[in-house]
Amino acid sequence: MSILKLLFISCFFVTIFVTYYVLHSPTIAKIHIQNITTSGDIDRDGINDIEDILEWARAEIKNKTQYKSAYYAGGYPPENEGVCTDVVWRALQNAGIDIKSQIDLDIQNNTEVYTRVAGKPDPNIDFRRVPNLDTFLKRYTTSLTTKIIPEDIVNLSEWQPGDIVMFSFPNQHTGIISDKRDTKGVPYIIHNYSDFPREDVWVFYADKKKFPIIGHYRWKY
């Protein structure tokens, strides 16, 4: 292969890399979205609740928690295993929010509104199922927009760190909204999808028919 051809190929791949980086890097922003904060500190550890949530969500990435869907006696999987919902409850737990006990109690008292339970509550798994988590959050937290409009400051300002996003069929999924954004202001999501936890933005650009957003919630700190 000639030197000229090698140079052409090299330039081609460099162009692709630079284009992707400019479009998706959270460190180079075309627009600025002000992130909210909170003085709430449920667990009284000196760290506000949003920072607590993000801290443990990112700890899931550092721990390289293996994606594994299984049934566990007592409900809780080992620390090195989990699915998308485990990122959420672990992050909330780090802020002092025991969402398992709250969901279990609400299912016990209001079984009929939790259609996924099908009339048979099971504390060993219920809180780790996306439909149950979505029902609980819809009932007890602040519901926000389910639309993502790149470069729309008003819309994107509703998407804030620590928020929880829910997706429905054909890909039931959930994750924590990050404090990072791409160049168009679209927030990153911290989630565990099919292998290990990650912090990225691709799911918000994915085919809406494959990843329809059905819920966007904020805990009432």
N, C-alpha and C. Protein backbone atom coordinates (compact mmCIF):
# COMPACT_ATOMS: atom_id res chain seq x y z
N MET A 1 0.85 -1.20 0.00
CA MET A 1 0.00 0.00 0.00
C MET A 1 0.89 1.25 0.00
N SER A 2 0.56 2.21 -0.83
CA SER A 2 1.38 3.41 -0.96
C SER A 2 1.24 4.30 0.28
N ILE A 3 2.26 5.15 0.47
CA ILE A 3 2.26 6.10 1.60
C ILE A 3 1.06 7.04 1.49
N LEU A 4 0.72 7.43 0.25
CA LEU A 4 -0.41 8.33 0.04
C LEU A 4 -1.72 7.71 0.51
N LYS A 5 -1.90 6.40 0.20
CA LYS A 5 -3.10 5.71 0.63
C LYS A 5 -3.17 5.61 2.15
N LEU A 6 -2.02 5.32 2.77
CA LEU A 6 -1.97 5.21 4.22
C LEU A 6 -2.33 6.54 4.87
N LEU A 7 -1.82 7.63 4.30
CA LEU A 7 -2.13 8.96 4.83
C LEU A 7 -3.62 9.27 4.69
N PHE A 8 -4.19 8.89 3.55
CA PHE A 8 -5.61 9.13 3.32
C PHE A 8 -6.48 8.38 4.33
N ILE A 9 -6.15 7.09 4.54
CA ILE A 9 -6.90 6.27 5.49
C ILE A 9 -6.77 6.82 6.90
N SER A 10 -5.55 7.23 7.26
CA SER A 10 -5.32 7.78 8.60
C SER A 10 -6.14 9.04 8.82
N CYS A 11 -6.16 9.91 7.83
CA CYS A 11 -6.92 11.16 7.93
C CYS A 11 -8.42 10.88 8.04
N PHE A 12 -8.88 9.86 7.33
CA PHE A 12 -10.29 9.49 7.36
C PHE A 12 -10.72 9.09 8.77
N PHE A 13 -9.94 8.21 9.41
CA PHE A 13 -10.29 7.76 10.75
C PHE A 13 -10.12 8.86 11.79
N VAL A 14 -9.14 9.72 11.63
CA VAL A 14 -8.97 10.86 12.54
C VAL A 14 -10.17 11.78 12.46
N THR A 15 -10.67 12.00 11.24
CA THR A 15 -11.86 12.85 11.05
C THR A 15 -13.07 12.27 11.75
N ILE A 16 -13.27 10.95 11.64
CA ILE A 16 -14.39 10.29 12.30
C ILE A 16 -14.28 10.44 13.81
N PHE A 17 -13.09 10.22 14.34
CA PHE A 17 -12.88 10.32 15.79
C PHE A 17 -13.15 11.72 16.30
N VAL A 18 -12.62 12.72 15.61
CA VAL A 18 -12.79 14.11 16.04
C VAL A 18 -14.25 14.51 15.98
N THR A 19 -14.95 14.09 14.93
CA THR A 19 -16.37 14.41 14.79
C THR A 19 -17.18 13.81 15.94
N TYR A 20 -16.91 12.55 16.26
CA TYR A 20 -17.63 11.90 17.36
C TYR A 20 -17.34 12.60 18.67
N TYR A 21 -16.07 12.94 18.89
CA TYR A 21 -15.67 13.58 20.16
C TYR A 21 -16.35 14.93 20.32
N VAL A 22 -16.37 15.70 19.27
CA VAL A 22 -16.97 17.04 19.34
C VAL A 22 -18.46 16.95 19.62
N LEU A 23 -19.13 15.95 19.02
CA LEU A 23 -20.57 15.81 19.20
C LEU A 23 -20.95 15.26 20.56
N HIS A 24 -20.12 14.40 21.14
CA HIS A 24 -20.52 13.68 22.33
C HIS A 24 -19.69 13.94 23.58
N SER A 25 -18.63 14.71 23.48
CA SER A 25 -17.82 14.96 24.67
C SER A 25 -18.57 15.81 25.68
N PRO A 26 -18.61 15.37 26.97
CA PRO A 26 -19.30 16.17 27.98
C PRO A 26 -18.48 17.37 28.42
N THR A 27 -17.23 17.49 27.95
CA THR A 27 -16.37 18.57 28.42
C THR A 27 -16.38 19.77 27.48
N ILE A 28 -16.97 19.63 26.30
CA ILE A 28 -17.05 20.74 25.36
C ILE A 28 -18.52 21.02 25.09
N ALA A 29 -19.06 22.04 25.69
CA ALA A 29 -20.50 22.29 25.60
C ALA A 29 -20.80 23.49 24.72
N LYS A 30 -21.78 23.31 23.85
CA LYS A 30 -22.23 24.42 23.02
C LYS A 30 -23.22 25.28 23.79
N ILE A 31 -24.01 24.64 24.63
CA ILE A 31 -24.98 25.38 25.44
C ILE A 31 -24.78 25.04 26.91
N HIS A 32 -25.20 25.93 27.77
CA HIS A 32 -25.01 25.71 29.21
C HIS A 32 -26.35 25.48 29.88
N ILE A 33 -26.44 24.37 30.61
CA ILE A 33 -27.63 24.05 31.39
C ILE A 33 -27.24 24.11 32.87
N GLN A 34 -27.93 24.92 33.63
CA GLN A 34 -27.62 25.04 35.05
C GLN A 34 -28.13 23.81 35.80
N ASN A 35 -27.24 23.10 36.48
CA ASN A 35 -27.65 21.95 37.27
C ASN A 35 -28.18 22.39 38.62
N ILE A 36 -29.25 21.77 39.07
CA ILE A 36 -29.80 22.10 40.38
C ILE A 36 -28.98 21.44 41.47
N THR A 37 -29.17 21.88 42.68
CA THR A 37 -28.55 21.23 43.83
C THR A 37 -29.60 21.16 44.93
N THR A 38 -29.25 20.61 46.06
CA THR A 38 -30.19 20.50 47.17
C THR A 38 -29.42 20.60 48.49
N SER A 39 -30.09 21.09 49.49
CA SER A 39 -29.49 21.12 50.84
C SER A 39 -29.91 19.88 51.63
N GLY A 40 -30.77 19.06 50.99
CA GLY A 40 -31.24 17.85 51.66
C GLY A 40 -30.11 16.87 51.93
N ASP A 41 -30.14 16.25 53.09
CA ASP A 41 -29.10 15.28 53.48
C ASP A 41 -29.76 14.24 54.37
N ILE A 42 -30.53 13.35 53.74
CA ILE A 42 -31.35 12.39 54.47
C ILE A 42 -30.53 11.54 55.44
N ASP A 43 -29.35 11.09 54.99
CA ASP A 43 -28.55 10.22 55.86
C ASP A 43 -27.59 10.99 56.77
N ARG A 44 -27.62 12.33 56.69
CA ARG A 44 -26.82 13.21 57.56
C ARG A 44 -25.33 12.86 57.54
N ASP A 45 -24.82 12.63 56.34
CA ASP A 45 -23.40 12.31 56.22
C ASP A 45 -22.57 13.52 55.79
N GLY A 46 -23.23 14.68 55.68
CA GLY A 46 -22.51 15.89 55.27
C GLY A 46 -22.43 16.06 53.77
N ILE A 47 -23.01 15.11 53.04
CA ILE A 47 -23.03 15.18 51.56
C ILE A 47 -24.49 15.28 51.14
N ASN A 48 -24.81 16.24 50.26
CA ASN A 48 -26.22 16.38 49.89
C ASN A 48 -26.71 15.16 49.11
N ASP A 49 -28.02 15.01 49.08
CA ASP A 49 -28.62 13.78 48.55
C ASP A 49 -28.29 13.52 47.08
N ILE A 50 -28.26 14.57 46.27
CA ILE A 50 -27.94 14.39 44.85
C ILE A 50 -26.52 13.87 44.68
N GLU A 51 -25.59 14.46 45.42
CA GLU A 51 -24.19 14.01 45.34
C GLU A 51 -24.05 12.58 45.85
N ASP A 52 -24.80 12.24 46.89
CA ASP A 52 -24.79 10.87 47.41
C ASP A 52 -25.25 9.88 46.33
N ILE A 53 -26.33 10.25 45.64
CA ILE A 53 -26.89 9.37 44.60
C ILE A 53 -25.89 9.17 43.47
N LEU A 54 -25.30 10.27 43.00
CA LEU A 54 -24.33 10.17 41.90
C LEU A 54 -23.08 9.42 42.34
N GLU A 55 -22.67 9.63 43.58
CA GLU A 55 -21.47 8.97 44.08
C GLU A 55 -21.58 7.46 43.97
N TRP A 56 -22.72 6.90 44.43
CA TRP A 56 -22.83 5.45 44.39
C TRP A 56 -23.16 4.93 43.00
N ALA A 57 -23.89 5.71 42.23
CA ALA A 57 -24.16 5.28 40.85
C ALA A 57 -22.83 5.10 40.13
N ARG A 58 -21.91 6.03 40.33
CA ARG A 58 -20.58 5.92 39.70
C ARG A 58 -19.74 4.82 40.35
N ALA A 59 -20.01 4.53 41.60
CA ALA A 59 -19.29 3.43 42.26
C ALA A 59 -19.62 2.11 41.58
N GLU A 60 -20.86 2.00 41.04
CA GLU A 60 -21.24 0.79 40.31
C GLU A 60 -20.34 0.60 39.08
N ILE A 61 -19.99 1.72 38.45
CA ILE A 61 -19.10 1.65 37.28
C ILE A 61 -17.71 1.21 37.73
N LYS A 62 -17.23 1.84 38.79
CA LYS A 62 -15.89 1.52 39.31
C LYS A 62 -15.82 0.06 39.76
N ASN A 63 -16.90 -0.42 40.36
CA ASN A 63 -16.92 -1.80 40.85
C ASN A 63 -17.10 -2.83 39.73
N LYS A 64 -17.44 -2.33 38.53
CA LYS A 64 -17.68 -3.22 37.38
C LYS A 64 -18.69 -4.31 37.73
N THR A 65 -19.80 -3.88 38.30
CA THR A 65 -20.87 -4.81 38.68
C THR A 65 -21.35 -5.58 37.45
N GLN A 66 -21.26 -6.88 37.49
CA GLN A 66 -21.64 -7.70 36.34
C GLN A 66 -23.15 -7.75 36.18
N TYR A 67 -23.61 -7.53 34.94
CA TYR A 67 -25.04 -7.62 34.67
C TYR A 67 -25.48 -9.08 34.80
N LYS A 68 -26.37 -9.31 35.74
CA LYS A 68 -26.88 -10.66 35.93
C LYS A 68 -28.29 -10.58 36.49
N SER A 69 -29.24 -11.11 35.72
CA SER A 69 -30.63 -11.12 36.15
C SER A 69 -30.92 -12.45 36.83
N ALA A 70 -31.22 -12.38 38.13
CA ALA A 70 -31.45 -13.61 38.89
C ALA A 70 -32.39 -13.30 40.06
N TYR A 71 -32.84 -14.36 40.70
CA TYR A 71 -33.73 -14.26 41.85
C TYR A 71 -32.91 -14.53 43.10
N TYR A 72 -33.03 -13.66 44.11
CA TYR A 72 -32.22 -13.79 45.31
C TYR A 72 -33.10 -13.82 46.55
N ALA A 73 -32.87 -14.80 47.42
CA ALA A 73 -33.58 -14.86 48.68
C ALA A 73 -33.24 -13.60 49.49
N GLY A 74 -34.26 -12.92 49.97
CA GLY A 74 -34.03 -11.68 50.69
C GLY A 74 -34.08 -10.46 49.79
N GLY A 75 -33.98 -10.69 48.47
CA GLY A 75 -34.12 -9.61 47.50
C GLY A 75 -32.84 -9.01 46.99
N TYR A 76 -31.85 -8.90 47.85
CA TYR A 76 -30.64 -8.18 47.46
C TYR A 76 -29.61 -9.09 46.78
N PRO A 77 -29.14 -8.69 45.60
CA PRO A 77 -28.09 -9.47 44.93
C PRO A 77 -26.73 -9.20 45.56
N PRO A 78 -25.73 -10.05 45.31
CA PRO A 78 -24.38 -9.76 45.79
C PRO A 78 -23.89 -8.43 45.22
N GLU A 79 -22.94 -7.79 45.89
CA GLU A 79 -22.47 -6.47 45.47
C GLU A 79 -21.87 -6.46 44.07
N ASN A 80 -21.37 -7.61 43.61
CA ASN A 80 -20.72 -7.66 42.29
C ASN A 80 -21.67 -8.09 41.18
N GLU A 81 -22.98 -8.18 41.49
CA GLU A 81 -23.97 -8.56 40.50
C GLU A 81 -25.15 -7.59 40.53
N GLY A 82 -25.84 -7.52 39.40
CA GLY A 82 -27.03 -6.67 39.40
C GLY A 82 -27.53 -6.38 38.00
N VAL A 83 -28.66 -5.67 37.95
CA VAL A 83 -29.25 -5.24 36.68
C VAL A 83 -29.48 -3.73 36.77
N CYS A 84 -30.24 -3.19 35.83
CA CYS A 84 -30.42 -1.74 35.78
C CYS A 84 -31.06 -1.18 37.05
N THR A 85 -32.06 -1.88 37.59
CA THR A 85 -32.75 -1.38 38.78
C THR A 85 -31.84 -1.38 40.00
N ASP A 86 -30.82 -2.23 40.01
CA ASP A 86 -29.91 -2.28 41.14
C ASP A 86 -29.04 -1.03 41.22
N VAL A 87 -28.74 -0.44 40.08
CA VAL A 87 -28.02 0.84 40.08
C VAL A 87 -28.85 1.89 40.81
N VAL A 88 -30.17 1.87 40.56
CA VAL A 88 -31.06 2.87 41.13
C VAL A 88 -31.22 2.71 42.63
N TRP A 89 -31.59 1.51 43.09
CA TRP A 89 -31.83 1.38 44.53
C TRP A 89 -30.54 1.53 45.33
N ARG A 90 -29.42 1.08 44.77
CA ARG A 90 -28.16 1.24 45.49
C ARG A 90 -27.77 2.72 45.60
N ALA A 91 -28.00 3.47 44.53
CA ALA A 91 -27.70 4.90 44.56
C ALA A 91 -28.58 5.63 45.57
N LEU A 92 -29.88 5.29 45.58
CA LEU A 92 -30.79 5.90 46.54
C LEU A 92 -30.44 5.50 47.97
N GLN A 93 -30.06 4.25 48.15
CA GLN A 93 -29.68 3.77 49.47
C GLN A 93 -28.48 4.55 50.01
N ASN A 94 -27.58 4.93 49.13
CA ASN A 94 -26.40 5.69 49.54
C ASN A 94 -26.77 7.07 50.08
N ALA A 95 -27.98 7.53 49.71
CA ALA A 95 -28.46 8.82 50.22
C ALA A 95 -29.36 8.63 51.44
N GLY A 96 -29.51 7.38 51.88
CA GLY A 96 -30.34 7.11 53.05
C GLY A 96 -31.78 6.78 52.72
N ILE A 97 -32.05 6.46 51.46
CA ILE A 97 -33.42 6.15 51.02
C ILE A 97 -33.58 4.64 50.86
N ASP A 98 -34.36 4.03 51.72
CA ASP A 98 -34.59 2.57 51.65
C ASP A 98 -35.80 2.32 50.77
N ILE A 99 -35.56 2.28 49.48
CA ILE A 99 -36.68 2.17 48.54
C ILE A 99 -37.29 0.77 48.54
N LYS A 100 -36.51 -0.25 48.88
CA LYS A 100 -37.08 -1.61 48.92
C LYS A 100 -38.22 -1.69 49.93
N SER A 101 -37.97 -1.23 51.16
CA SER A 101 -39.00 -1.33 52.19
C SER A 101 -40.22 -0.49 51.83
N GLN A 102 -40.00 0.66 51.17
CA GLN A 102 -41.11 1.53 50.79
C GLN A 102 -41.95 0.89 49.69
N ILE A 103 -41.28 0.29 48.70
CA ILE A 103 -42.03 -0.38 47.62
C ILE A 103 -42.77 -1.60 48.16
N ASP A 104 -42.10 -2.40 48.99
CA ASP A 104 -42.74 -3.59 49.55
C ASP A 104 -43.99 -3.22 50.33
N LEU A 105 -43.91 -2.16 51.13
CA LEU A 105 -45.06 -1.73 51.93
C LEU A 105 -46.19 -1.23 51.04
N ASP A 106 -45.85 -0.45 50.01
CA ASP A 106 -46.88 0.08 49.14
C ASP A 106 -47.55 -1.03 48.34
N ILE A 107 -46.77 -2.02 47.92
CA ILE A 107 -47.36 -3.16 47.20
C ILE A 107 -48.29 -3.94 48.13
N GLN A 108 -47.88 -4.11 49.38
CA GLN A 108 -48.70 -4.83 50.35
C GLN A 108 -50.05 -4.12 50.57
N ASN A 109 -50.00 -2.78 50.61
CA ASN A 109 -51.21 -2.01 50.90
C ASN A 109 -52.02 -1.66 49.65
N ASN A 110 -51.38 -1.71 48.48
CA ASN A 110 -52.05 -1.29 47.25
C ASN A 110 -51.70 -2.25 46.10
N THR A 111 -51.85 -3.52 46.35
CA THR A 111 -51.44 -4.54 45.39
C THR A 111 -52.07 -4.33 44.01
N GLU A 112 -53.30 -3.86 43.97
CA GLU A 112 -54.03 -3.76 42.71
C GLU A 112 -53.43 -2.76 41.74
N VAL A 113 -52.69 -1.77 42.23
CA VAL A 113 -52.13 -0.77 41.30
C VAL A 113 -50.79 -1.23 40.71
N TYR A 114 -50.23 -2.29 41.25
CA TYR A 114 -48.97 -2.83 40.74
C TYR A 114 -49.29 -4.02 39.84
N THR A 115 -49.55 -3.74 38.57
CA THR A 115 -50.00 -4.78 37.65
C THR A 115 -48.95 -5.88 37.45
N ARG A 116 -47.66 -5.52 37.54
CA ARG A 116 -46.60 -6.52 37.34
C ARG A 116 -46.63 -7.59 38.42
N VAL A 117 -47.14 -7.25 39.59
CA VAL A 117 -47.21 -8.20 40.71
C VAL A 117 -48.25 -9.28 40.45
N ALA A 118 -49.26 -8.93 39.66
CA ALA A 118 -50.33 -9.87 39.31
C ALA A 118 -51.01 -10.48 40.54
N GLY A 119 -51.17 -9.65 41.57
CA GLY A 119 -51.88 -10.09 42.77
C GLY A 119 -51.07 -10.95 43.72
N LYS A 120 -49.80 -11.18 43.41
CA LYS A 120 -48.97 -12.05 44.24
C LYS A 120 -47.66 -11.34 44.60
N PRO A 121 -47.67 -10.50 45.64
CA PRO A 121 -46.45 -9.79 46.05
C PRO A 121 -45.31 -10.75 46.40
N ASP A 122 -44.10 -10.35 46.02
CA ASP A 122 -42.92 -11.15 46.33
C ASP A 122 -41.78 -10.20 46.69
N PRO A 123 -41.55 -9.96 47.98
CA PRO A 123 -40.51 -9.03 48.43
C PRO A 123 -39.10 -9.41 47.98
N ASN A 124 -38.93 -10.65 47.50
CA ASN A 124 -37.61 -11.08 47.05
C ASN A 124 -37.24 -10.52 45.67
N ILE A 125 -38.23 -9.95 44.96
CA ILE A 125 -37.94 -9.50 43.60
C ILE A 125 -38.69 -8.24 43.19
N ASP A 126 -39.81 -7.93 43.84
CA ASP A 126 -40.69 -6.86 43.38
C ASP A 126 -39.98 -5.51 43.18
N PHE A 127 -39.13 -5.13 44.12
CA PHE A 127 -38.51 -3.80 44.05
C PHE A 127 -37.46 -3.70 42.94
N ARG A 128 -37.08 -4.82 42.36
CA ARG A 128 -36.06 -4.84 41.31
C ARG A 128 -36.67 -4.97 39.91
N ARG A 129 -38.00 -4.89 39.83
CA ARG A 129 -38.67 -4.98 38.54
C ARG A 129 -39.03 -3.58 38.05
N VAL A 130 -38.69 -3.29 36.80
CA VAL A 130 -38.89 -1.95 36.24
C VAL A 130 -40.33 -1.46 36.36
N PRO A 131 -41.35 -2.25 35.99
CA PRO A 131 -42.73 -1.75 36.10
C PRO A 131 -43.12 -1.37 37.53
N ASN A 132 -42.66 -2.15 38.51
CA ASN A 132 -42.98 -1.85 39.91
C ASN A 132 -42.29 -0.57 40.36
N LEU A 133 -41.04 -0.42 39.98
CA LEU A 133 -40.31 0.80 40.34
C LEU A 133 -40.97 2.01 39.70
N ASP A 134 -41.39 1.86 38.45
CA ASP A 134 -42.04 2.96 37.74
C ASP A 134 -43.36 3.34 38.43
N THR A 135 -44.14 2.36 38.82
CA THR A 135 -45.41 2.63 39.49
C THR A 135 -45.18 3.36 40.81
N PHE A 136 -44.21 2.91 41.58
CA PHE A 136 -43.92 3.56 42.86
C PHE A 136 -43.47 5.00 42.67
N LEU A 137 -42.54 5.22 41.75
CA LEU A 137 -42.03 6.57 41.52
C LEU A 137 -43.13 7.50 41.01
N LYS A 138 -43.99 6.96 40.17
CA LYS A 138 -45.10 7.76 39.64
C LYS A 138 -46.03 8.21 40.77
N ARG A 139 -46.17 7.38 41.79
CA ARG A 139 -47.08 7.67 42.90
C ARG A 139 -46.48 8.62 43.94
N TYR A 140 -45.17 8.59 44.12
CA TYR A 140 -44.60 9.28 45.28
C TYR A 140 -43.50 10.29 45.00
N THR A 141 -43.11 10.45 43.76
CA THR A 141 -42.07 11.43 43.44
C THR A 141 -42.61 12.44 42.44
N THR A 142 -41.77 13.40 42.10
CA THR A 142 -42.17 14.43 41.13
C THR A 142 -41.98 13.90 39.72
N SER A 143 -43.06 13.91 38.93
CA SER A 143 -42.99 13.48 37.53
C SER A 143 -42.62 14.66 36.64
N LEU A 144 -41.70 14.42 35.71
CA LEU A 144 -41.19 15.47 34.84
C LEU A 144 -41.32 15.06 33.37
N THR A 145 -40.86 15.90 32.48
CA THR A 145 -40.98 15.63 31.05
C THR A 145 -40.33 14.30 30.66
N THR A 146 -40.93 13.66 29.68
CA THR A 146 -40.34 12.44 29.14
C THR A 146 -39.73 12.70 27.76
N LYS A 147 -39.67 13.96 27.38
CA LYS A 147 -39.09 14.32 26.09
C LYS A 147 -37.66 14.80 26.25
N ILE A 148 -36.82 14.42 25.30
CA ILE A 148 -35.45 14.92 25.22
C ILE A 148 -35.34 15.72 23.93
N ILE A 149 -35.08 17.03 24.05
CA ILE A 149 -34.96 17.88 22.87
C ILE A 149 -33.57 18.50 22.86
N PRO A 150 -32.63 17.94 22.10
CA PRO A 150 -31.27 18.48 22.06
C PRO A 150 -31.25 19.97 21.76
N GLU A 151 -30.39 20.69 22.49
CA GLU A 151 -30.16 22.13 22.33
C GLU A 151 -31.34 23.00 22.76
N ASP A 152 -32.34 22.39 23.38
CA ASP A 152 -33.49 23.16 23.89
C ASP A 152 -33.27 23.38 25.39
N ILE A 153 -32.85 24.57 25.76
CA ILE A 153 -32.47 24.86 27.14
C ILE A 153 -33.63 24.64 28.11
N VAL A 154 -34.82 25.06 27.73
CA VAL A 154 -35.98 24.91 28.61
C VAL A 154 -36.26 23.43 28.88
N ASN A 155 -36.29 22.65 27.82
CA ASN A 155 -36.55 21.22 27.97
C ASN A 155 -35.44 20.52 28.76
N LEU A 156 -34.21 20.77 28.38
CA LEU A 156 -33.08 20.07 29.00
C LEU A 156 -32.86 20.48 30.45
N SER A 157 -33.34 21.66 30.83
CA SER A 157 -33.21 22.11 32.22
C SER A 157 -34.06 21.26 33.16
N GLU A 158 -35.04 20.56 32.59
CA GLU A 158 -35.86 19.65 33.41
C GLU A 158 -35.12 18.35 33.73
N TRP A 159 -34.08 18.06 32.96
CA TRP A 159 -33.30 16.84 33.17
C TRP A 159 -32.12 17.19 34.06
N GLN A 160 -32.16 16.72 35.31
CA GLN A 160 -31.18 17.14 36.30
C GLN A 160 -30.49 15.95 36.96
N PRO A 161 -29.27 16.17 37.48
CA PRO A 161 -28.53 15.09 38.14
C PRO A 161 -29.34 14.44 39.26
N GLY A 162 -29.27 13.13 39.31
CA GLY A 162 -29.99 12.39 40.35
C GLY A 162 -31.39 11.99 39.96
N ASP A 163 -31.91 12.55 38.85
CA ASP A 163 -33.23 12.14 38.37
C ASP A 163 -33.18 10.67 37.93
N ILE A 164 -34.35 10.06 37.87
CA ILE A 164 -34.45 8.67 37.44
C ILE A 164 -35.28 8.61 36.17
N VAL A 165 -34.78 7.91 35.15
CA VAL A 165 -35.50 7.78 33.88
C VAL A 165 -35.89 6.33 33.69
N MET A 166 -37.09 6.12 33.14
CA MET A 166 -37.60 4.77 32.92
C MET A 166 -37.93 4.57 31.45
N PHE A 167 -37.59 3.41 30.94
CA PHE A 167 -37.89 3.03 29.56
C PHE A 167 -38.79 1.79 29.57
N SER A 168 -39.62 1.65 28.53
CA SER A 168 -40.54 0.52 28.47
C SER A 168 -40.23 -0.40 27.30
N PHE A 169 -41.14 -1.35 27.05
CA PHE A 169 -40.95 -2.33 25.99
C PHE A 169 -40.59 -1.66 24.67
N PRO A 170 -39.74 -2.29 23.87
CA PRO A 170 -39.22 -3.65 24.04
C PRO A 170 -37.99 -3.74 24.94
N ASN A 171 -37.53 -2.60 25.49
CA ASN A 171 -36.36 -2.61 26.37
C ASN A 171 -36.71 -1.96 27.70
N GLN A 172 -37.26 -2.75 28.62
CA GLN A 172 -37.54 -2.22 29.95
C GLN A 172 -36.20 -1.89 30.62
N HIS A 173 -36.04 -0.64 31.00
CA HIS A 173 -34.73 -0.20 31.46
C HIS A 173 -34.87 1.02 32.36
N THR A 174 -33.85 1.30 33.16
CA THR A 174 -33.86 2.49 34.01
C THR A 174 -32.42 2.90 34.31
N GLY A 175 -32.26 4.14 34.75
CA GLY A 175 -30.94 4.64 35.10
C GLY A 175 -31.03 5.97 35.82
N ILE A 176 -29.87 6.44 36.27
CA ILE A 176 -29.75 7.71 37.00
C ILE A 176 -29.18 8.77 36.05
N ILE A 177 -29.80 9.95 36.04
CA ILE A 177 -29.30 11.04 35.22
C ILE A 177 -28.01 11.59 35.82
N SER A 178 -27.00 11.76 34.99
CA SER A 178 -25.67 12.23 35.40
C SER A 178 -25.63 13.75 35.46
N ASP A 179 -24.53 14.29 35.99
CA ASP A 179 -24.30 15.74 35.97
C ASP A 179 -23.46 16.14 34.76
N LYS A 180 -23.21 15.18 33.87
CA LYS A 180 -22.48 15.45 32.63
C LYS A 180 -23.46 15.57 31.47
N ARG A 181 -23.11 16.36 30.47
CA ARG A 181 -23.94 16.52 29.28
C ARG A 181 -23.06 16.52 28.04
N ASP A 182 -23.69 16.20 26.90
CA ASP A 182 -22.93 16.29 25.66
C ASP A 182 -23.01 17.71 25.11
N THR A 183 -22.47 17.94 23.94
CA THR A 183 -22.40 19.29 23.40
C THR A 183 -23.77 19.90 23.09
N LYS A 184 -24.77 19.03 22.97
CA LYS A 184 -26.13 19.52 22.69
C LYS A 184 -26.96 19.69 23.97
N GLY A 185 -26.30 19.49 25.12
CA GLY A 185 -26.99 19.65 26.39
C GLY A 185 -27.73 18.42 26.87
N VAL A 186 -27.67 17.33 26.10
CA VAL A 186 -28.36 16.10 26.48
C VAL A 186 -27.59 15.43 27.62
N PRO A 187 -28.28 15.08 28.70
CA PRO A 187 -27.58 14.51 29.86
C PRO A 187 -27.11 13.08 29.63
N TYR A 188 -26.02 12.74 30.27
CA TYR A 188 -25.58 11.36 30.30
C TYR A 188 -26.47 10.60 31.28
N ILE A 189 -26.46 9.27 31.15
CA ILE A 189 -27.21 8.41 32.07
C ILE A 189 -26.25 7.37 32.63
N ILE A 190 -26.36 7.12 33.92
CA ILE A 190 -25.56 6.09 34.58
C ILE A 190 -26.47 4.87 34.72
N HIS A 191 -26.10 3.78 34.06
CA HIS A 191 -26.99 2.63 33.98
C HIS A 191 -26.22 1.35 33.73
N ASN A 192 -26.89 0.24 33.94
CA ASN A 192 -26.30 -1.07 33.67
C ASN A 192 -27.14 -1.74 32.60
N TYR A 193 -26.55 -1.85 31.41
CA TYR A 193 -27.30 -2.41 30.30
C TYR A 193 -26.51 -3.54 29.65
N SER A 194 -26.85 -4.75 29.95
CA SER A 194 -26.40 -5.98 29.29
C SER A 194 -25.01 -6.49 29.65
N ASP A 195 -24.15 -5.67 30.22
CA ASP A 195 -22.83 -6.22 30.60
C ASP A 195 -22.34 -5.62 31.92
N PHE A 196 -21.92 -4.33 31.89
CA PHE A 196 -21.44 -3.65 33.08
C PHE A 196 -22.01 -2.23 33.12
N PRO A 197 -22.06 -1.61 34.30
CA PRO A 197 -22.54 -0.24 34.39
C PRO A 197 -21.67 0.71 33.56
N ARG A 198 -22.29 1.77 33.08
CA ARG A 198 -21.59 2.74 32.25
C ARG A 198 -22.23 4.11 32.42
N GLU A 199 -21.53 5.14 31.96
CA GLU A 199 -22.04 6.50 31.97
C GLU A 199 -21.91 7.04 30.56
N ASP A 200 -23.04 7.12 29.87
CA ASP A 200 -23.00 7.54 28.47
C ASP A 200 -24.34 8.16 28.07
N VAL A 201 -24.47 8.46 26.79
CA VAL A 201 -25.64 9.20 26.34
C VAL A 201 -26.39 8.51 25.20
N TRP A 202 -25.88 7.37 24.74
CA TRP A 202 -26.40 6.77 23.51
C TRP A 202 -27.88 6.43 23.59
N VAL A 203 -28.37 6.04 24.77
CA VAL A 203 -29.75 5.59 24.87
C VAL A 203 -30.74 6.70 24.54
N PHE A 204 -30.34 7.96 24.76
CA PHE A 204 -31.23 9.07 24.44
C PHE A 204 -31.26 9.39 22.95
N TYR A 205 -30.31 8.84 22.21
CA TYR A 205 -30.29 9.02 20.76
C TYR A 205 -30.74 7.75 20.03
N ALA A 206 -31.06 6.73 20.80
CA ALA A 206 -31.48 5.46 20.21
C ALA A 206 -32.89 5.58 19.62
N ASP A 207 -33.25 4.60 18.84
CA ASP A 207 -34.58 4.54 18.23
C ASP A 207 -35.64 4.61 19.33
N LYS A 208 -36.51 5.63 19.27
CA LYS A 208 -37.52 5.83 20.31
C LYS A 208 -38.49 4.67 20.40
N LYS A 209 -38.63 3.91 19.30
CA LYS A 209 -39.51 2.76 19.33
C LYS A 209 -38.88 1.62 20.14
N LYS A 210 -37.56 1.61 20.20
CA LYS A 210 -36.86 0.56 20.95
C LYS A 210 -36.65 0.97 22.41
N PHE A 211 -36.52 2.27 22.64
CA PHE A 211 -36.31 2.77 23.99
C PHE A 211 -37.26 3.92 24.30
N PRO A 212 -38.57 3.63 24.35
CA PRO A 212 -39.53 4.70 24.66
C PRO A 212 -39.42 5.11 26.13
N ILE A 213 -39.30 6.40 26.38
CA ILE A 213 -39.23 6.91 27.75
C ILE A 213 -40.65 6.99 28.30
N ILE A 214 -40.91 6.29 29.39
CA ILE A 214 -42.25 6.29 29.98
C ILE A 214 -42.29 7.03 31.31
N GLY A 215 -41.13 7.36 31.86
CA GLY A 215 -41.13 8.03 33.15
C GLY A 215 -39.84 8.79 33.39
N HIS A 216 -39.97 9.93 34.04
CA HIS A 216 -38.82 10.76 34.43
C HIS A 216 -39.19 11.35 35.79
N TYR A 217 -38.44 10.96 36.81
CA TYR A 217 -38.85 11.27 38.18
C TYR A 217 -37.72 11.92 38.99
N ARG A 218 -38.14 12.72 39.97
CA ARG A 218 -37.18 13.33 40.91
C ARG A 218 -37.67 13.11 42.33
N TRP A 219 -36.78 12.58 43.14
CA TRP A 219 -37.10 12.35 44.53
C TRP A 219 -37.40 13.69 45.21
N LYS A 220 -38.34 13.70 46.13
CA LYS A 220 -38.69 14.95 46.84
C LYS A 220 -37.74 15.11 48.02
N TYR A 221 -36.57 15.70 47.72
CA TYR A 221 -35.52 15.82 48.74
C TYR A 221 -35.96 16.72 49.88
